C-alpha atoms as a PDB file:
ATOM      1  CA  MET A   1     157.533  86.304 169.991  1.00  0.00           C
ATOM      2  CA  ILE A   2     153.921  87.198 169.330  1.00  0.00           C
ATOM      3  CA  LYS A   3     152.798  90.662 168.257  1.00  0.00           C
ATOM      4  CA  PRO A   4     149.022  90.735 168.031  1.00  0.00           C
ATOM      5  CA  SER A   5     147.289  93.283 165.848  1.00  0.00           C
ATOM      6  CA  GLU A   6     146.929  96.705 167.387  1.00  0.00           C
ATOM      7  CA  PHE A   7     143.195  96.313 166.783  1.00  0.00           C
ATOM      8  CA  SER A   8     142.899  93.162 168.885  1.00  0.00           C
ATOM      9  CA  PRO A   9     142.405  93.343 172.633  1.00  0.00           C
ATOM     10  CA  VAL A  10     145.603  93.167 174.688  1.00  0.00           C
ATOM     11  CA  SER A  11     144.130  90.120 176.398  1.00  0.00           C
ATOM     12  CA  ALA A  12     144.291  88.108 173.129  1.00  0.00           C
ATOM     13  CA  GLY A  13     148.085  87.930 173.142  1.00  0.00           C
ATOM     14  CA  LEU A  14     148.284  87.517 176.889  1.00  0.00           C
ATOM     15  CA  MET A  15     145.879  84.569 176.753  1.00  0.00           C
ATOM     16  CA  LEU A  16     148.202  82.836 174.258  1.00  0.00           C
ATOM     17  CA  ALA A  17     151.109  83.339 176.656  1.00  0.00           C
ATOM     18  CA  GLU A  18     149.047  81.902 179.532  1.00  0.00           C
ATOM     19  CA  ILE A  19     148.105  78.863 177.448  1.00  0.00           C
ATOM     20  CA  ALA A  20     151.780  78.285 176.580  1.00  0.00           C
ATOM     21  CA  ASP A  21     152.679  78.582 180.272  1.00  0.00           C
ATOM     22  CA  GLU A  22     149.996  76.071 181.264  1.00  0.00           C
ATOM     23  CA  ALA A  23     151.190  73.730 178.496  1.00  0.00           C
ATOM     24  CA  GLY A  24     154.647  73.697 180.065  1.00  0.00           C
ATOM     25  CA  PHE A  25     156.642  75.979 177.783  1.00  0.00           C
ATOM     26  CA  PRO A  26     159.727  77.275 179.628  1.00  0.00           C
ATOM     27  CA  PRO A  27     159.698  80.960 180.628  1.00  0.00           C
ATOM     28  CA  GLY A  28     160.859  83.257 177.834  1.00  0.00           C
ATOM     29  CA  VAL A  29     160.033  80.895 174.962  1.00  0.00           C
ATOM     30  CA  ILE A  30     156.902  82.855 174.054  1.00  0.00           C
ATOM     31  CA  ASN A  31     156.894  86.594 174.537  1.00  0.00           C
ATOM     32  CA  VAL A  32     154.008  88.936 173.767  1.00  0.00           C
ATOM     33  CA  VAL A  33     154.643  92.451 172.470  1.00  0.00           C
ATOM     34  CA  THR A  34     151.710  94.845 172.579  1.00  0.00           C
ATOM     35  CA  HIS A  35     151.574  98.369 171.191  1.00  0.00           C
ATOM     36  CA  ALA A  36     149.383 101.348 170.532  1.00  0.00           C
ATOM     37  CA  PRO A  37     147.617 101.888 167.200  1.00  0.00           C
ATOM     38  CA  GLY A  38     150.071 103.198 164.633  1.00  0.00           C
ATOM     39  CA  ALA A  39     153.176 101.854 166.398  1.00  0.00           C
ATOM     40  CA  ALA A  40     153.404  98.508 164.581  1.00  0.00           C
ATOM     41  CA  GLY A  41     155.864  99.712 161.936  1.00  0.00           C
ATOM     42  CA  GLY A  42     158.612 100.569 164.412  1.00  0.00           C
ATOM     43  CA  ILE A  43     158.189  97.295 166.258  1.00  0.00           C
ATOM     44  CA  ALA A  44     158.274  95.322 163.009  1.00  0.00           C
ATOM     45  CA  ASP A  45     161.443  97.192 162.026  1.00  0.00           C
ATOM     46  CA  GLU A  46     163.071  95.941 165.241  1.00  0.00           C
ATOM     47  CA  PHE A  47     161.999  92.351 164.480  1.00  0.00           C
ATOM     48  CA  PHE A  48     163.389  92.534 160.937  1.00  0.00           C
ATOM     49  CA  ALA A  49     166.679  94.113 162.070  1.00  0.00           C
ATOM     50  CA  SER A  50     167.333  91.790 165.016  1.00  0.00           C
ATOM     51  CA  PRO A  51     169.784  88.931 164.436  1.00  0.00           C
ATOM     52  CA  ASP A  52     167.958  87.037 167.203  1.00  0.00           C
ATOM     53  CA  VAL A  53     164.790  86.785 165.095  1.00  0.00           C
ATOM     54  CA  ARG A  54     165.298  84.003 162.544  1.00  0.00           C
ATOM     55  CA  VAL A  55     161.792  83.649 161.070  1.00  0.00           C
ATOM     56  CA  ILE A  56     159.061  86.184 160.319  1.00  0.00           C
ATOM     57  CA  ASN A  57     155.543  84.788 159.967  1.00  0.00           C
ATOM     58  CA  LEU A  58     153.037  87.495 159.114  1.00  0.00           C
ATOM     59  CA  ILE A  59     149.325  86.848 158.935  1.00  0.00           C
ATOM     60  CA  GLY A  60     147.231  89.809 157.927  1.00  0.00           C
ATOM     61  CA  GLU A  61     147.517  92.947 155.880  1.00  0.00           C
ATOM     62  CA  SER A  62     150.759  94.738 155.192  1.00  0.00           C
ATOM     63  CA  ARG A  63     151.480  97.861 153.220  1.00  0.00           C
ATOM     64  CA  ARG A  64     155.253  97.522 153.639  1.00  0.00           C
ATOM     65  CA  PRO A  65     157.673  95.507 151.467  1.00  0.00           C
ATOM     66  CA  ASN A  66     158.330  92.756 154.002  1.00  0.00           C
ATOM     67  CA  ALA A  67     160.301  90.468 151.700  1.00  0.00           C
ATOM     68  CA  ARG A  68     162.844  93.228 151.061  1.00  0.00           C
ATOM     69  CA  ARG A  69     163.035  94.050 154.775  1.00  0.00           C
ATOM     70  CA  ALA A  70     163.631  90.377 155.619  1.00  0.00           C
ATOM     71  CA  SER A  71     166.616  90.191 153.283  1.00  0.00           C
ATOM     72  CA  ARG A  72     168.472  93.349 154.305  1.00  0.00           C
ATOM     73  CA  LYS A  73     170.943  92.832 157.154  1.00  0.00           C
ATOM     74  CA  ASN A  74     170.074  89.342 158.364  1.00  0.00           C
ATOM     75  CA  LEU A  75     168.466  87.015 155.859  1.00  0.00           C
ATOM     76  CA  LYS A  76     165.313  85.627 157.479  1.00  0.00           C
ATOM     77  CA  ARG A  77     162.904  82.944 156.502  1.00  0.00           C
ATOM     78  CA  THR A  78     159.627  84.681 155.785  1.00  0.00           C
ATOM     79  CA  VAL A  79     156.107  83.304 155.601  1.00  0.00           C
ATOM     80  CA  LEU A  80     153.432  85.771 154.502  1.00  0.00           C
ATOM     81  CA  GLU A  81     149.698  85.168 154.475  1.00  0.00           C
ATOM     82  CA  LEU A  82     148.388  88.491 153.305  1.00  0.00           C
ATOM     83  CA  GLY A  83     144.916  89.826 152.820  1.00  0.00           C
ATOM     84  CA  VAL A  84     143.319  93.082 151.883  1.00  0.00           C
ATOM     85  CA  SER A  85     141.533  95.126 154.482  1.00  0.00           C
ATOM     86  CA  THR A  86     137.890  95.948 153.873  1.00  0.00           C
ATOM     87  CA  ARG A  87     137.968  98.789 156.391  1.00  0.00           C
END
């Protein structure tokens, strides 16, 4: 599952899905979730709570304690590459 930044164009995530489709990935292997600005927290909560999600790989900035969230109900492998926003 891919959840692009709310600040990126919707087409960015959809282009990744099209590339995966052209490369021969079976339907449903890569899913793109888009959202409005400010809605990322609720979507991330669903990812962290879902037993179907086994790995969280976050690239970007986060103000939430992701390691703690990943260990709550379903222990998940977590890879974080975090930065600080200059906005």
